[in-house]
N, C-alpha and C. Protein backbone atom coordinates (compact mmCIF):
# COMPACT_ATOMS: atom_id res chain seq x y z
N MET A 1 -4.16 13.80 13.15
CA MET A 1 -2.74 13.54 13.33
C MET A 1 -2.22 12.75 12.13
N LYS A 2 -1.11 13.21 11.58
CA LYS A 2 -0.51 12.56 10.42
C LYS A 2 0.46 11.47 10.88
N LYS A 3 0.33 10.30 10.25
CA LYS A 3 1.22 9.19 10.55
C LYS A 3 1.89 8.76 9.25
N GLU A 4 3.22 8.73 9.25
CA GLU A 4 3.98 8.32 8.08
C GLU A 4 4.68 7.00 8.37
N LEU A 5 4.76 6.16 7.35
CA LEU A 5 5.34 4.83 7.51
C LEU A 5 6.12 4.46 6.26
N THR A 6 7.29 3.89 6.46
CA THR A 6 8.04 3.26 5.38
C THR A 6 8.00 1.77 5.66
N TYR A 7 7.43 1.02 4.73
CA TYR A 7 7.19 -0.41 4.91
C TYR A 7 8.05 -1.20 3.93
N ASN A 8 8.88 -2.09 4.44
CA ASN A 8 9.70 -2.96 3.59
C ASN A 8 8.85 -4.16 3.17
N THR A 9 8.63 -4.28 1.87
CA THR A 9 7.77 -5.33 1.35
C THR A 9 8.47 -6.68 1.36
N ARG A 10 7.65 -7.73 1.27
CA ARG A 10 8.17 -9.11 1.20
C ARG A 10 7.44 -9.84 0.09
N GLY A 11 8.19 -10.54 -0.75
CA GLY A 11 7.60 -11.39 -1.77
C GLY A 11 7.10 -10.67 -3.01
N THR A 12 7.50 -9.42 -3.19
CA THR A 12 7.07 -8.66 -4.37
C THR A 12 8.28 -8.03 -5.06
N CYS A 13 8.04 -7.54 -6.27
CA CYS A 13 9.09 -6.85 -7.01
C CYS A 13 9.40 -5.49 -6.38
N SER A 14 8.39 -4.84 -5.82
CA SER A 14 8.65 -3.58 -5.12
C SER A 14 9.42 -3.88 -3.84
N ARG A 15 10.24 -2.94 -3.44
CA ARG A 15 11.09 -3.13 -2.26
C ARG A 15 10.54 -2.43 -1.01
N ARG A 16 9.84 -1.32 -1.25
CA ARG A 16 9.43 -0.48 -0.13
C ARG A 16 8.19 0.31 -0.52
N ILE A 17 7.38 0.62 0.48
CA ILE A 17 6.21 1.49 0.28
C ILE A 17 6.28 2.59 1.33
N LYS A 18 6.12 3.82 0.87
CA LYS A 18 6.04 4.95 1.78
C LYS A 18 4.60 5.44 1.74
N VAL A 19 3.98 5.52 2.90
CA VAL A 19 2.58 5.90 2.97
C VAL A 19 2.38 6.87 4.14
N ALA A 20 1.43 7.80 3.95
CA ALA A 20 1.07 8.73 5.01
C ALA A 20 -0.44 8.72 5.15
N VAL A 21 -0.88 8.77 6.39
CA VAL A 21 -2.31 8.73 6.72
C VAL A 21 -2.61 9.86 7.68
N GLU A 22 -3.70 10.56 7.41
CA GLU A 22 -4.13 11.62 8.32
C GLU A 22 -5.63 11.49 8.55
N ASP A 23 -6.01 11.36 9.80
CA ASP A 23 -7.42 11.22 10.18
C ASP A 23 -8.11 10.08 9.42
N GLY A 24 -7.39 8.96 9.26
CA GLY A 24 -7.96 7.77 8.62
C GLY A 24 -8.02 7.82 7.11
N ILE A 25 -7.43 8.85 6.50
CA ILE A 25 -7.43 9.02 5.04
C ILE A 25 -5.98 8.95 4.54
N ILE A 26 -5.76 8.22 3.45
CA ILE A 26 -4.42 8.11 2.86
C ILE A 26 -4.12 9.42 2.13
N THR A 27 -3.03 10.08 2.53
CA THR A 27 -2.66 11.37 1.93
C THR A 27 -1.45 11.26 1.01
N GLU A 28 -0.63 10.24 1.20
CA GLU A 28 0.54 10.04 0.35
C GLU A 28 0.78 8.54 0.20
N CYS A 29 1.27 8.15 -0.98
CA CYS A 29 1.62 6.75 -1.20
C CYS A 29 2.60 6.68 -2.35
N ALA A 30 3.70 5.95 -2.16
CA ALA A 30 4.69 5.78 -3.21
C ALA A 30 5.39 4.43 -3.02
N PHE A 31 5.58 3.73 -4.12
CA PHE A 31 6.28 2.45 -4.12
C PHE A 31 7.70 2.66 -4.62
N GLU A 32 8.63 1.91 -4.07
CA GLU A 32 10.01 1.90 -4.57
C GLU A 32 10.21 0.55 -5.25
N GLY A 33 10.50 0.59 -6.54
CA GLY A 33 10.65 -0.63 -7.31
C GLY A 33 9.30 -1.16 -7.76
N GLY A 34 9.32 -2.32 -8.36
CA GLY A 34 8.08 -2.91 -8.86
C GLY A 34 7.77 -2.46 -10.26
N CYS A 35 6.61 -2.83 -10.75
CA CYS A 35 6.14 -2.46 -12.09
C CYS A 35 5.67 -1.01 -12.03
N SER A 36 6.44 -0.12 -12.58
CA SER A 36 6.24 1.32 -12.41
C SER A 36 4.81 1.78 -12.70
N GLY A 37 4.26 1.41 -13.83
CA GLY A 37 2.91 1.86 -14.16
C GLY A 37 1.88 1.35 -13.19
N ASN A 38 1.99 0.08 -12.83
CA ASN A 38 1.02 -0.51 -11.89
C ASN A 38 1.12 0.11 -10.51
N THR A 39 2.34 0.24 -10.00
CA THR A 39 2.48 0.79 -8.64
C THR A 39 2.10 2.27 -8.60
N GLN A 40 2.41 3.01 -9.65
CA GLN A 40 1.98 4.42 -9.70
C GLN A 40 0.46 4.51 -9.74
N GLY A 41 -0.16 3.61 -10.50
CA GLY A 41 -1.62 3.59 -10.59
C GLY A 41 -2.28 3.28 -9.26
N VAL A 42 -1.77 2.25 -8.59
CA VAL A 42 -2.32 1.88 -7.28
C VAL A 42 -2.15 3.03 -6.30
N ALA A 43 -0.96 3.61 -6.27
CA ALA A 43 -0.68 4.73 -5.35
C ALA A 43 -1.63 5.89 -5.62
N SER A 44 -1.84 6.22 -6.88
CA SER A 44 -2.71 7.33 -7.24
C SER A 44 -4.16 7.05 -6.84
N LEU A 45 -4.61 5.82 -7.04
CA LEU A 45 -5.99 5.46 -6.72
C LEU A 45 -6.30 5.51 -5.23
N VAL A 46 -5.33 5.18 -4.37
CA VAL A 46 -5.63 5.12 -2.94
C VAL A 46 -5.55 6.47 -2.25
N ILE A 47 -4.90 7.45 -2.86
CA ILE A 47 -4.81 8.77 -2.22
C ILE A 47 -6.22 9.36 -2.13
N GLY A 48 -6.57 9.75 -0.91
CA GLY A 48 -7.90 10.27 -0.64
C GLY A 48 -8.88 9.21 -0.16
N MET A 49 -8.46 7.95 -0.20
CA MET A 49 -9.32 6.84 0.21
C MET A 49 -9.17 6.60 1.72
N LYS A 50 -10.26 6.13 2.33
CA LYS A 50 -10.19 5.75 3.73
C LYS A 50 -9.32 4.50 3.87
N VAL A 51 -8.54 4.45 4.92
CA VAL A 51 -7.62 3.33 5.17
C VAL A 51 -8.36 2.01 5.19
N ASP A 52 -9.45 1.94 5.92
CA ASP A 52 -10.19 0.67 6.03
C ASP A 52 -10.75 0.21 4.69
N GLU A 53 -11.19 1.14 3.86
CA GLU A 53 -11.71 0.80 2.54
C GLU A 53 -10.59 0.24 1.65
N ALA A 54 -9.43 0.88 1.69
CA ALA A 54 -8.29 0.42 0.88
C ALA A 54 -7.86 -0.98 1.31
N ILE A 55 -7.79 -1.21 2.61
CA ILE A 55 -7.41 -2.53 3.12
C ILE A 55 -8.41 -3.58 2.63
N ALA A 56 -9.69 -3.28 2.76
CA ALA A 56 -10.73 -4.24 2.36
C ALA A 56 -10.64 -4.58 0.87
N LYS A 57 -10.28 -3.62 0.05
CA LYS A 57 -10.22 -3.84 -1.40
C LYS A 57 -8.96 -4.58 -1.84
N MET A 58 -7.85 -4.40 -1.12
CA MET A 58 -6.57 -4.92 -1.60
C MET A 58 -6.02 -6.13 -0.86
N LYS A 59 -6.42 -6.32 0.39
CA LYS A 59 -5.86 -7.41 1.18
C LYS A 59 -6.19 -8.76 0.56
N GLY A 60 -5.17 -9.59 0.39
CA GLY A 60 -5.36 -10.93 -0.14
C GLY A 60 -5.16 -11.05 -1.64
N ILE A 61 -4.95 -9.93 -2.35
CA ILE A 61 -4.71 -10.00 -3.79
C ILE A 61 -3.35 -10.67 -4.02
N LYS A 62 -3.31 -11.58 -4.98
CA LYS A 62 -2.08 -12.30 -5.31
C LYS A 62 -1.59 -11.88 -6.68
N CYS A 63 -0.29 -12.00 -6.90
CA CYS A 63 0.33 -11.68 -8.18
C CYS A 63 0.84 -12.98 -8.80
N GLY A 64 0.12 -13.48 -9.79
CA GLY A 64 0.52 -14.72 -10.43
C GLY A 64 0.61 -15.86 -9.43
N PHE A 65 1.76 -16.51 -9.39
CA PHE A 65 1.97 -17.65 -8.50
C PHE A 65 2.41 -17.24 -7.09
N LYS A 66 2.65 -15.96 -6.89
CA LYS A 66 3.11 -15.47 -5.58
C LYS A 66 1.95 -15.46 -4.59
N SER A 67 2.28 -15.55 -3.33
CA SER A 67 1.24 -15.55 -2.29
C SER A 67 0.83 -14.14 -1.87
N THR A 68 1.41 -13.13 -2.51
CA THR A 68 1.12 -11.74 -2.18
C THR A 68 1.22 -10.91 -3.45
N SER A 69 1.07 -9.60 -3.31
CA SER A 69 1.19 -8.67 -4.43
C SER A 69 1.51 -7.29 -3.86
N CYS A 70 1.81 -6.35 -4.74
CA CYS A 70 2.05 -4.99 -4.26
C CYS A 70 0.81 -4.40 -3.58
N PRO A 71 -0.41 -4.58 -4.14
CA PRO A 71 -1.58 -4.09 -3.41
C PRO A 71 -1.78 -4.77 -2.05
N ASP A 72 -1.52 -6.07 -1.97
CA ASP A 72 -1.63 -6.79 -0.71
C ASP A 72 -0.62 -6.25 0.30
N GLN A 73 0.61 -5.99 -0.16
CA GLN A 73 1.63 -5.44 0.73
C GLN A 73 1.25 -4.04 1.20
N LEU A 74 0.61 -3.26 0.32
CA LEU A 74 0.13 -1.94 0.73
C LEU A 74 -0.95 -2.08 1.81
N ALA A 75 -1.83 -3.05 1.66
CA ALA A 75 -2.85 -3.30 2.69
C ALA A 75 -2.20 -3.62 4.03
N LEU A 76 -1.14 -4.43 4.00
CA LEU A 76 -0.43 -4.77 5.24
C LEU A 76 0.24 -3.54 5.84
N ALA A 77 0.81 -2.69 4.98
CA ALA A 77 1.42 -1.44 5.46
C ALA A 77 0.36 -0.55 6.09
N LEU A 78 -0.79 -0.46 5.46
CA LEU A 78 -1.86 0.38 6.00
C LEU A 78 -2.36 -0.14 7.34
N GLU A 79 -2.38 -1.47 7.50
CA GLU A 79 -2.75 -2.03 8.80
C GLU A 79 -1.77 -1.56 9.88
N LYS A 80 -0.49 -1.46 9.52
CA LYS A 80 0.52 -1.00 10.48
C LYS A 80 0.26 0.45 10.91
N THR A 81 -0.29 1.26 10.01
CA THR A 81 -0.56 2.66 10.38
C THR A 81 -1.67 2.76 11.42
N LYS A 82 -2.47 1.71 11.56
CA LYS A 82 -3.56 1.71 12.53
C LYS A 82 -3.11 1.27 13.93
N GLU A 83 -1.89 0.75 14.02
CA GLU A 83 -1.40 0.24 15.32
C GLU A 83 -1.01 1.37 16.25
């Protein structure tokens, strides 16, 4: 079953993340706003990855002095897809 989510980020330059998951695998990922090269790279790397693996790798990553980052926000969005 495919689950799609649009997640409004907090504390990052990106504003929104659109992600789709099917059978525990990330099938689509796109960031709105943020550092274009970095967010495109992260999105490209997670496609085809298991949700739990992506969460484990990205959760808790910080961006400079901020308490979060775009990868951390993606991990939080992916957790929502499991609810």
